[in-house]
Amino acid sequence: MKALLWIFSGEALRWRDESTAEYWNISEFCISWGPRVRGSVLITTRRHLLGAGACAGLLAATASKASSLADIVASLQDRPVPATGPLPASPAPVVPAQARVVVDGAINPQLLARARAAFDRHRSSLAHTDTVGIVDFTRPSREARFHIFDTRTGQVSSHLVAHGRGSDPDHSGYLERFSNAVGSEASSEGAYLIGDYYPGKYGRSMRLSGLDQSNSNAQARALVVHSAWYAEPEQVAQHGKLGRSEGCFALSYNSLQQTLARLGPGRLLYADKVG
């Protein structure tokens, strides 16, 4: 149906045909029963218009100024309309709040807060935000500390990951320091943007780009995510710790397959140590 806008202007009444953008004065049409009202604008349709008798009555009443225009309008409607001033705004529809994501307790809260800050800081660089990788180098290499975090559900899957030999010169199994220096063979802290897949020395791997000053040499150092024999669970069973990389994030073969599937290009990987 074609909508007509009835517009009050003092004692004058006119409507605007939205299809033609033309204004018509009150002598052409009459207000019908039950129009919808928005502020000082009444919205109605052609099927709402009264017959000629009502029009004539309205015109006669308007011409004689027997009563105000607002009174005339009110008398022709099924429900009263305020004589002056706009009607109160309709209350906004209630939108149920979304449930807050409860994060799996596997991730240290302090580390999670840092990862979130990095996520917000580098969000414009990310093509995908559904999954984030968070590496907790506070923990020893014998523990699952490479976390794949689903930002939609809060669920986390955790995997073993090796750190760089330059970060653990005595091979204690604990990361002692970070370094961004070329040739350091150490792990670097900070936020990384996961890049393309590529076939590397250890098979299919993922490139990394450093997003912070603390890991700005990631590409120059060829830091990537790959699988390695020294990151298999058997190393922990035999030696109580994993082997060491040259600064790369080295995972077991099975863990890498999950990482390739869930934490692909365009996503964030964050590595740090707390405490």
C-alpha atoms as a PDB file:
ATOM      1  CA  MET A   1       0.000   0.000   0.000  1.00  0.00           C
ATOM      2  CA  LYS A   2       1.147   3.543  -0.706  1.00  0.00           C
ATOM      3  CA  ALA A   3       2.057   5.390   2.498  1.00  0.00           C
ATOM      4  CA  LEU A   4       0.850   8.922   3.052  1.00  0.00           C
ATOM      5  CA  LEU A   5       2.494  11.231   5.561  1.00  0.00           C
ATOM      6  CA  TRP A   6       0.111  13.599   7.345  1.00  0.00           C
ATOM      7  CA  ILE A   7       1.986  16.663   8.527  1.00  0.00           C
ATOM      8  CA  PHE A   8       0.787  19.170  11.104  1.00  0.00           C
ATOM      9  CA  SER A   9       1.767  22.778  10.545  1.00  0.00           C
ATOM     10  CA  GLY A  10      -0.103  25.032  12.954  1.00  0.00           C
ATOM     11  CA  GLU A  11      -3.755  24.668  12.003  1.00  0.00           C
ATOM     12  CA  ALA A  12      -2.941  23.489   8.481  1.00  0.00           C
ATOM     13  CA  LEU A  13      -2.947  19.843   7.557  1.00  0.00           C
ATOM     14  CA  ARG A  14      -1.367  18.329   4.509  1.00  0.00           C
ATOM     15  CA  TRP A  15       0.057  14.987   3.404  1.00  0.00           C
ATOM     16  CA  ARG A  16       2.982  13.938   1.309  1.00  0.00           C
ATOM     17  CA  ASP A  17       2.816  11.134  -1.258  1.00  0.00           C
ATOM     18  CA  GLU A  18       6.090   9.263  -0.784  1.00  0.00           C
ATOM     19  CA  SER A  19       5.961   7.791  -4.285  1.00  0.00           C
ATOM     20  CA  THR A  20       5.890  11.206  -5.998  1.00  0.00           C
ATOM     21  CA  ALA A  21       7.266  13.467  -3.251  1.00  0.00           C
ATOM     22  CA  GLU A  22       4.262  15.740  -3.781  1.00  0.00           C
ATOM     23  CA  TYR A  23       2.443  17.611  -1.035  1.00  0.00           C
ATOM     24  CA  TRP A  24      -1.364  17.807  -0.988  1.00  0.00           C
ATOM     25  CA  ASN A  25      -3.497  20.045   1.198  1.00  0.00           C
ATOM     26  CA  ILE A  26      -6.423  18.936   3.286  1.00  0.00           C
ATOM     27  CA  SER A  27      -8.991  19.639   0.611  1.00  0.00           C
ATOM     28  CA  GLU A  28      -7.770  16.634  -1.375  1.00  0.00           C
ATOM     29  CA  PHE A  29      -7.987  13.852   1.231  1.00  0.00           C
ATOM     30  CA  CYS A  30      -9.058  13.191   4.822  1.00  0.00           C
ATOM     31  CA  ILE A  31      -7.412  11.499   7.782  1.00  0.00           C
ATOM     32  CA  SER A  32      -8.666   7.964   8.442  1.00  0.00           C
ATOM     33  CA  TRP A  33      -9.264   5.885  11.524  1.00  0.00           C
ATOM     34  CA  GLY A  34      -6.333   4.523  13.409  1.00  0.00           C
ATOM     35  CA  PRO A  35      -3.354   6.116  11.624  1.00  0.00           C
ATOM     36  CA  ARG A  36       0.063   5.430  13.097  1.00  0.00           C
ATOM     37  CA  VAL A  37       1.662   8.478  14.691  1.00  0.00           C
ATOM     38  CA  ARG A  38       5.336   9.306  14.895  1.00  0.00           C
ATOM     39  CA  GLY A  39       6.037  12.592  16.638  1.00  0.00           C
ATOM     40  CA  SER A  40       4.116  15.251  14.714  1.00  0.00           C
ATOM     41  CA  VAL A  41       3.857  13.036  11.609  1.00  0.00           C
ATOM     42  CA  LEU A  42       0.919  10.656  11.126  1.00  0.00           C
ATOM     43  CA  ILE A  43       1.387   7.739   8.749  1.00  0.00           C
ATOM     44  CA  THR A  44      -1.638   6.195   7.027  1.00  0.00           C
ATOM     45  CA  THR A  45      -2.619   4.424   3.805  1.00  0.00           C
ATOM     46  CA  ARG A  46      -5.231   5.005   1.135  1.00  0.00           C
ATOM     47  CA  ARG A  47      -7.475   2.302   2.541  1.00  0.00           C
ATOM     48  CA  HIS A  48      -7.613   4.312   5.754  1.00  0.00           C
ATOM     49  CA  LEU A  49      -9.190   7.320   4.093  1.00  0.00           C
ATOM     50  CA  LEU A  50     -12.739   8.203   5.022  1.00  0.00           C
ATOM     51  CA  GLY A  51     -15.566   8.618   2.593  1.00  0.00           C
ATOM     52  CA  ALA A  52     -16.576  11.882   1.064  1.00  0.00           C
ATOM     53  CA  GLY A  53     -18.979  12.622   3.906  1.00  0.00           C
ATOM     54  CA  ALA A  54     -16.243  12.635   6.503  1.00  0.00           C
ATOM     55  CA  CYS A  55     -14.100  14.755   4.235  1.00  0.00           C
ATOM     56  CA  ALA A  56     -16.856  17.270   3.838  1.00  0.00           C
ATOM     57  CA  GLY A  57     -17.429  17.367   7.577  1.00  0.00           C
ATOM     58  CA  LEU A  58     -13.763  17.895   8.250  1.00  0.00           C
ATOM     59  CA  LEU A  59     -13.453  20.610   5.677  1.00  0.00           C
ATOM     60  CA  ALA A  60     -16.527  22.404   7.028  1.00  0.00           C
ATOM     61  CA  ALA A  61     -15.284  22.174  10.594  1.00  0.00           C
ATOM     62  CA  THR A  62     -11.869  23.444   9.581  1.00  0.00           C
ATOM     63  CA  ALA A  63     -13.301  26.304   7.591  1.00  0.00           C
ATOM     64  CA  SER A  64     -15.506  27.476  10.441  1.00  0.00           C
ATOM     65  CA  LYS A  65     -12.730  27.117  13.027  1.00  0.00           C
ATOM     66  CA  ALA A  66     -15.365  25.538  15.317  1.00  0.00           C
ATOM     67  CA  SER A  67     -12.683  23.511  17.033  1.00  0.00           C
ATOM     68  CA  SER A  68      -8.966  22.941  16.808  1.00  0.00           C
ATOM     69  CA  LEU A  69      -7.490  20.701  14.165  1.00  0.00           C
ATOM     70  CA  ALA A  70      -6.214  18.342  16.828  1.00  0.00           C
ATOM     71  CA  ASP A  71      -9.755  17.905  18.195  1.00  0.00           C
ATOM     72  CA  ILE A  72     -11.116  17.140  14.742  1.00  0.00           C
ATOM     73  CA  VAL A  73      -8.433  14.570  14.128  1.00  0.00           C
ATOM     74  CA  ALA A  74      -9.074  12.958  17.507  1.00  0.00           C
ATOM     75  CA  SER A  75     -12.811  12.658  16.813  1.00  0.00           C
ATOM     76  CA  LEU A  76     -12.173  10.647  13.643  1.00  0.00           C
ATOM     77  CA  GLN A  77      -9.852   8.070  15.228  1.00  0.00           C
ATOM     78  CA  ASP A  78     -10.488   4.888  17.153  1.00  0.00           C
ATOM     79  CA  ARG A  79      -8.207   6.007  19.957  1.00  0.00           C
ATOM     80  CA  PRO A  80      -7.364   9.464  21.359  1.00  0.00           C
ATOM     81  CA  VAL A  81      -4.421  11.456  20.063  1.00  0.00           C
ATOM     82  CA  PRO A  82      -2.666  14.048  22.280  1.00  0.00           C
ATOM     83  CA  ALA A  83      -3.817  17.555  21.387  1.00  0.00           C
ATOM     84  CA  THR A  84      -0.351  19.082  21.301  1.00  0.00           C
ATOM     85  CA  GLY A  85       3.234  18.026  21.227  1.00  0.00           C
ATOM     86  CA  PRO A  86       4.825  14.806  19.950  1.00  0.00           C
ATOM     87  CA  LEU A  87       3.880  11.443  21.404  1.00  0.00           C
ATOM     88  CA  PRO A  88       6.353   9.788  23.778  1.00  0.00           C
ATOM     89  CA  ALA A  89       8.909   7.712  21.928  1.00  0.00           C
ATOM     90  CA  SER A  90       8.203   3.998  21.831  1.00  0.00           C
ATOM     91  CA  PRO A  91      10.497   2.023  24.113  1.00  0.00           C
ATOM     92  CA  ALA A  92      13.437   0.422  22.320  1.00  0.00           C
ATOM     93  CA  PRO A  93      13.122  -3.317  21.758  1.00  0.00           C
ATOM     94  CA  VAL A  94      14.826  -5.387  24.403  1.00  0.00           C
ATOM     95  CA  VAL A  95      17.847  -7.227  22.989  1.00  0.00           C
ATOM     96  CA  PRO A  96      18.964 -10.137  25.151  1.00  0.00           C
ATOM     97  CA  ALA A  97      22.575  -9.887  26.234  1.00  0.00           C
ATOM     98  CA  GLN A  98      24.948 -12.400  24.767  1.00  0.00           C
ATOM     99  CA  ALA A  99      26.403 -14.901  27.157  1.00  0.00           C
ATOM    100  CA  ARG A 100      29.926 -14.080  28.226  1.00  0.00           C
ATOM    101  CA  VAL A 101      32.530 -16.517  26.938  1.00  0.00           C
ATOM    102  CA  VAL A 102      34.022 -18.574  29.761  1.00  0.00           C
ATOM    103  CA  VAL A 103      37.628 -19.349  28.923  1.00  0.00           C
ATOM    104  CA  ASP A 104      39.082 -22.745  29.690  1.00  0.00           C
ATOM    105  CA  GLY A 105      41.264 -22.540  32.806  1.00  0.00           C
ATOM    106  CA  ALA A 106      44.237 -24.031  30.964  1.00  0.00           C
ATOM    107  CA  ILE A 107      45.461 -20.528  30.080  1.00  0.00           C
ATOM    108  CA  ASN A 108      47.114 -18.364  32.737  1.00  0.00           C
ATOM    109  CA  PRO A 109      44.780 -15.364  33.330  1.00  0.00           C
ATOM    110  CA  GLN A 110      47.672 -12.880  33.194  1.00  0.00           C
ATOM    111  CA  LEU A 111      48.869 -14.308  29.910  1.00  0.00           C
ATOM    112  CA  LEU A 112      45.346 -14.309  28.546  1.00  0.00           C
ATOM    113  CA  ALA A 113      44.990 -10.614  29.421  1.00  0.00           C
ATOM    114  CA  ARG A 114      48.218  -9.826  27.576  1.00  0.00           C
ATOM    115  CA  ALA A 115      47.106 -11.858  24.591  1.00  0.00           C
ATOM    116  CA  ARG A 116      43.791 -10.005  24.538  1.00  0.00           C
ATOM    117  CA  ALA A 117      45.598  -6.664  24.612  1.00  0.00           C
ATOM    118  CA  ALA A 118      47.767  -7.781  21.692  1.00  0.00           C
ATOM    119  CA  PHE A 119      44.674  -9.018  19.862  1.00  0.00           C
ATOM    120  CA  ASP A 120      43.002  -5.618  20.231  1.00  0.00           C
ATOM    121  CA  ARG A 121      46.195  -3.770  19.320  1.00  0.00           C
ATOM    122  CA  HIS A 122      46.732  -5.709  16.091  1.00  0.00           C
ATOM    123  CA  ARG A 123      43.144  -6.482  15.148  1.00  0.00           C
ATOM    124  CA  SER A 124      43.345  -4.479  11.925  1.00  0.00           C
ATOM    125  CA  SER A 125      46.152  -6.772  10.718  1.00  0.00           C
ATOM    126  CA  LEU A 126      44.106  -9.951  11.248  1.00  0.00           C
ATOM    127  CA  ALA A 127      42.023 -11.520   8.502  1.00  0.00           C
ATOM    128  CA  HIS A 128      40.406 -13.976  10.931  1.00  0.00           C
ATOM    129  CA  THR A 129      39.601 -13.599  14.631  1.00  0.00           C
ATOM    130  CA  ASP A 130      37.817 -16.886  15.346  1.00  0.00           C
ATOM    131  CA  THR A 131      40.908 -18.615  16.703  1.00  0.00           C
ATOM    132  CA  VAL A 132      44.034 -17.382  18.484  1.00  0.00           C
ATOM    133  CA  GLY A 133      47.243 -19.195  19.399  1.00  0.00           C
ATOM    134  CA  ILE A 134      48.664 -18.451  22.858  1.00  0.00           C
ATOM    135  CA  VAL A 135      52.025 -19.869  23.956  1.00  0.00           C
ATOM    136  CA  ASP A 136      52.855 -19.861  27.673  1.00  0.00           C
ATOM    137  CA  PHE A 137      56.633 -20.006  27.957  1.00  0.00           C
ATOM    138  CA  THR A 138      56.329 -19.726  31.727  1.00  0.00           C
ATOM    139  CA  ARG A 139      55.758 -23.469  31.757  1.00  0.00           C
ATOM    140  CA  PRO A 140      58.465 -26.064  31.088  1.00  0.00           C
ATOM    141  CA  SER A 141      58.640 -27.824  27.757  1.00  0.00           C
ATOM    142  CA  ARG A 142      57.330 -31.059  29.248  1.00  0.00           C
ATOM    143  CA  GLU A 143      53.904 -29.433  29.686  1.00  0.00           C
ATOM    144  CA  ALA A 144      51.318 -28.629  27.024  1.00  0.00           C
ATOM    145  CA  ARG A 145      51.770 -24.867  26.672  1.00  0.00           C
ATOM    146  CA  PHE A 146      50.801 -24.129  23.062  1.00  0.00           C
ATOM    147  CA  HIS A 147      47.118 -23.234  23.361  1.00  0.00           C
ATOM    148  CA  ILE A 148      44.650 -22.935  20.489  1.00  0.00           C
ATOM    149  CA  PHE A 149      41.870 -20.721  21.797  1.00  0.00           C
ATOM    150  CA  ASP A 150      38.415 -20.538  20.187  1.00  0.00           C
ATOM    151  CA  THR A 151      37.284 -16.944  20.748  1.00  0.00           C
ATOM    152  CA  ARG A 152      33.618 -17.849  20.133  1.00  0.00           C
ATOM    153  CA  THR A 153      33.275 -20.662  22.670  1.00  0.00           C
ATOM    154  CA  GLY A 154      36.211 -20.184  25.038  1.00  0.00           C
ATOM    155  CA  GLN A 155      37.355 -23.756  24.417  1.00  0.00           C
ATOM    156  CA  VAL A 156      41.065 -24.472  24.410  1.00  0.00           C
ATOM    157  CA  SER A 157      43.176 -27.327  23.066  1.00  0.00           C
ATOM    158  CA  SER A 158      46.746 -27.519  24.366  1.00  0.00           C
ATOM    159  CA  HIS A 159      49.886 -29.003  22.811  1.00  0.00           C
ATOM    160  CA  LEU A 160      53.560 -29.510  23.501  1.00  0.00           C
ATOM    161  CA  VAL A 161      55.894 -26.987  21.857  1.00  0.00           C
ATOM    162  CA  ALA A 162      59.676 -26.608  21.910  1.00  0.00           C
ATOM    163  CA  HIS A 163      61.470 -23.316  22.530  1.00  0.00           C
ATOM    164  CA  GLY A 164      64.758 -22.067  21.091  1.00  0.00           C
ATOM    165  CA  ARG A 165      68.106 -23.345  22.325  1.00  0.00           C
ATOM    166  CA  GLY A 166      69.270 -19.766  22.738  1.00  0.00           C
ATOM    167  CA  SER A 167      66.518 -19.304  25.339  1.00  0.00           C
ATOM    168  CA  ASP A 168      67.620 -22.383  27.286  1.00  0.00           C
ATOM    169  CA  PRO A 169      71.392 -22.763  26.903  1.00  0.00           C
ATOM    170  CA  ASP A 170      71.669 -25.360  29.686  1.00  0.00           C
ATOM    171  CA  HIS A 171      68.750 -27.371  28.304  1.00  0.00           C
ATOM    172  CA  SER A 172      66.894 -27.336  31.590  1.00  0.00           C
ATOM    173  CA  GLY A 173      63.543 -27.526  29.837  1.00  0.00           C
ATOM    174  CA  TYR A 174      62.664 -23.983  30.926  1.00  0.00           C
ATOM    175  CA  LEU A 175      62.809 -20.859  28.785  1.00  0.00           C
ATOM    176  CA  GLU A 176      65.146 -18.427  30.548  1.00  0.00           C
ATOM    177  CA  ARG A 177      65.243 -15.480  28.172  1.00  0.00           C
ATOM    178  CA  PHE A 178      63.914 -14.119  24.878  1.00  0.00           C
ATOM    179  CA  SER A 179      65.875 -12.559  22.063  1.00  0.00           C
ATOM    180  CA  ASN A 180      65.020 -10.855  18.779  1.00  0.00           C
ATOM    181  CA  ALA A 181      68.606 -10.866  17.557  1.00  0.00           C
ATOM    182  CA  VAL A 182      69.491 -12.599  14.313  1.00  0.00           C
ATOM    183  CA  GLY A 183      71.640 -15.636  15.097  1.00  0.00           C
ATOM    184  CA  SER A 184      70.502 -15.882  18.737  1.00  0.00           C
ATOM    185  CA  GLU A 185      68.545 -19.114  18.138  1.00  0.00           C
ATOM    186  CA  ALA A 186      66.261 -17.945  20.940  1.00  0.00           C
ATOM    187  CA  SER A 187      62.496 -17.671  21.079  1.00  0.00           C
ATOM    188  CA  SER A 188      60.981 -14.200  20.732  1.00  0.00           C
ATOM    189  CA  GLU A 189      58.021 -12.921  22.701  1.00  0.00           C
ATOM    190  CA  GLY A 190      55.152 -10.918  21.300  1.00  0.00           C
ATOM    191  CA  ALA A 191      52.395 -11.070  18.722  1.00  0.00           C
ATOM    192  CA  TYR A 192      52.835 -12.820  15.386  1.00  0.00           C
ATOM    193  CA  LEU A 193      50.698 -12.797  12.279  1.00  0.00           C
ATOM    194  CA  ILE A 194      50.429 -16.304  10.858  1.00  0.00           C
ATOM    195  CA  GLY A 195      51.318 -16.353   7.179  1.00  0.00           C
ATOM    196  CA  ASP A 196      51.120 -18.821   4.333  1.00  0.00           C
ATOM    197  CA  TYR A 197      51.655 -22.550   4.378  1.00  0.00           C
ATOM    198  CA  TYR A 198      54.814 -23.780   2.702  1.00  0.00           C
ATOM    199  CA  PRO A 199      56.721 -27.071   2.292  1.00  0.00           C
ATOM    200  CA  GLY A 200      59.759 -26.869   4.574  1.00  0.00           C
ATOM    201  CA  LYS A 201      62.536 -29.014   5.988  1.00  0.00           C
ATOM    202  CA  TYR A 202      60.079 -30.713   8.334  1.00  0.00           C
ATOM    203  CA  GLY A 203      57.183 -30.853   5.895  1.00  0.00           C
ATOM    204  CA  ARG A 204      54.238 -28.521   5.680  1.00  0.00           C
ATOM    205  CA  SER A 205      54.805 -25.461   7.866  1.00  0.00           C
ATOM    206  CA  MET A 206      53.447 -21.943   8.480  1.00  0.00           C
ATOM    207  CA  ARG A 207      55.341 -18.695   8.084  1.00  0.00           C
ATOM    208  CA  LEU A 208      55.245 -15.977  10.748  1.00  0.00           C
ATOM    209  CA  SER A 209      55.568 -12.193  10.746  1.00  0.00           C
ATOM    210  CA  GLY A 210      56.460 -10.344  13.937  1.00  0.00           C
ATOM    211  CA  LEU A 211      54.017  -7.560  14.837  1.00  0.00           C
ATOM    212  CA  ASP A 212      55.911  -6.147  17.831  1.00  0.00           C
ATOM    213  CA  GLN A 213      59.367  -4.652  18.365  1.00  0.00           C
ATOM    214  CA  SER A 214      60.258  -7.702  20.442  1.00  0.00           C
ATOM    215  CA  ASN A 215      59.870 -10.040  17.443  1.00  0.00           C
ATOM    216  CA  SER A 216      60.335  -7.725  14.473  1.00  0.00           C
ATOM    217  CA  ASN A 217      63.098  -9.969  13.063  1.00  0.00           C
ATOM    218  CA  ALA A 218      60.869 -13.035  12.843  1.00  0.00           C
ATOM    219  CA  GLN A 219      61.015 -13.168   9.053  1.00  0.00           C
ATOM    220  CA  ALA A 220      64.728 -12.361   8.907  1.00  0.00           C
ATOM    221  CA  ARG A 221      65.319 -15.219  11.345  1.00  0.00           C
ATOM    222  CA  ALA A 222      62.940 -17.526   9.452  1.00  0.00           C
ATOM    223  CA  LEU A 223      60.862 -18.223  12.567  1.00  0.00           C
ATOM    224  CA  VAL A 224      57.972 -20.514  11.607  1.00  0.00           C
ATOM    225  CA  VAL A 225      55.587 -23.123  13.001  1.00  0.00           C
ATOM    226  CA  HIS A 226      56.646 -26.665  12.045  1.00  0.00           C
ATOM    227  CA  SER A 227      56.760 -30.217  13.330  1.00  0.00           C
ATOM    228  CA  ALA A 228      59.931 -31.893  14.611  1.00  0.00           C
ATOM    229  CA  TRP A 229      60.979 -35.252  16.004  1.00  0.00           C
ATOM    230  CA  TYR A 230      62.339 -33.578  19.154  1.00  0.00           C
ATOM    231  CA  ALA A 231      58.843 -32.197  19.930  1.00  0.00           C
ATOM    232  CA  GLU A 232      57.118 -35.588  20.038  1.00  0.00           C
ATOM    233  CA  PRO A 233      55.570 -36.756  23.352  1.00  0.00           C
ATOM    234  CA  GLU A 234      58.085 -39.624  23.496  1.00  0.00           C
ATOM    235  CA  GLN A 235      60.828 -37.082  24.234  1.00  0.00           C
ATOM    236  CA  VAL A 236      59.053 -36.103  27.436  1.00  0.00           C
ATOM    237  CA  ALA A 237      58.578 -39.763  28.365  1.00  0.00           C
ATOM    238  CA  GLN A 238      62.289 -40.475  27.848  1.00  0.00           C
ATOM    239  CA  HIS A 239      63.977 -37.239  28.936  1.00  0.00           C
ATOM    240  CA  GLY A 240      61.385 -35.318  30.915  1.00  0.00           C
ATOM    241  CA  LYS A 241      61.521 -32.440  28.410  1.00  0.00           C
ATOM    242  CA  LEU A 242      61.459 -31.675  24.713  1.00  0.00           C
ATOM    243  CA  GLY A 243      64.398 -30.905  22.505  1.00  0.00           C
ATOM    244  CA  ARG A 244      65.150 -27.326  21.423  1.00  0.00           C
ATOM    245  CA  SER A 245      64.574 -25.467  18.165  1.00  0.00           C
ATOM    246  CA  GLU A 246      66.438 -22.526  16.658  1.00  0.00           C
ATOM    247  CA  GLY A 247      63.686 -20.195  17.793  1.00  0.00           C
ATOM    248  CA  CYS A 248      60.806 -21.738  15.852  1.00  0.00           C
ATOM    249  CA  PHE A 249      57.600 -23.079  17.374  1.00  0.00           C
ATOM    250  CA  ALA A 250      58.233 -26.807  16.952  1.00  0.00           C
ATOM    251  CA  LEU A 251      55.266 -29.142  17.546  1.00  0.00           C
ATOM    252  CA  SER A 252      54.653 -32.862  17.296  1.00  0.00           C
ATOM    253  CA  TYR A 253      53.390 -34.080  13.929  1.00  0.00           C
ATOM    254  CA  ASN A 254      49.849 -34.688  15.197  1.00  0.00           C
ATOM    255  CA  SER A 255      49.695 -31.351  16.977  1.00  0.00           C
ATOM    256  CA  LEU A 256      50.860 -29.568  13.852  1.00  0.00           C
ATOM    257  CA  GLN A 257      48.046 -31.087  11.809  1.00  0.00           C
ATOM    258  CA  GLN A 258      45.499 -29.695  14.255  1.00  0.00           C
ATOM    259  CA  THR A 259      47.257 -26.341  14.244  1.00  0.00           C
ATOM    260  CA  LEU A 260      47.322 -26.172  10.449  1.00  0.00           C
ATOM    261  CA  ALA A 261      43.596 -26.924  10.366  1.00  0.00           C
ATOM    262  CA  ARG A 262      42.485 -24.497  13.068  1.00  0.00           C
ATOM    263  CA  LEU A 263      45.121 -21.773  13.304  1.00  0.00           C
ATOM    264  CA  GLY A 264      45.744 -20.909   9.677  1.00  0.00           C
ATOM    265  CA  PRO A 265      46.880 -17.802   7.787  1.00  0.00           C
ATOM    266  CA  GLY A 266      45.607 -14.400   8.894  1.00  0.00           C
ATOM    267  CA  ARG A 267      45.302 -15.285  12.582  1.00  0.00           C
ATOM    268  CA  LEU A 268      47.162 -14.198  15.700  1.00  0.00           C
ATOM    269  CA  LEU A 269      49.816 -16.162  17.580  1.00  0.00           C
ATOM    270  CA  TYR A 270      50.963 -14.669  20.864  1.00  0.00           C
ATOM    271  CA  ALA A 271      53.951 -15.898  22.909  1.00  0.00           C
ATOM    272  CA  ASP A 272      55.097 -14.630  26.296  1.00  0.00           C
ATOM    273  CA  LYS A 273      56.228 -15.486  29.798  1.00  0.00           C
ATOM    274  CA  VAL A 274      54.594 -14.185  32.995  1.00  0.00           C
ATOM    275  CA  GLY A 275      55.959 -13.966  36.500  1.00  0.00           C
END
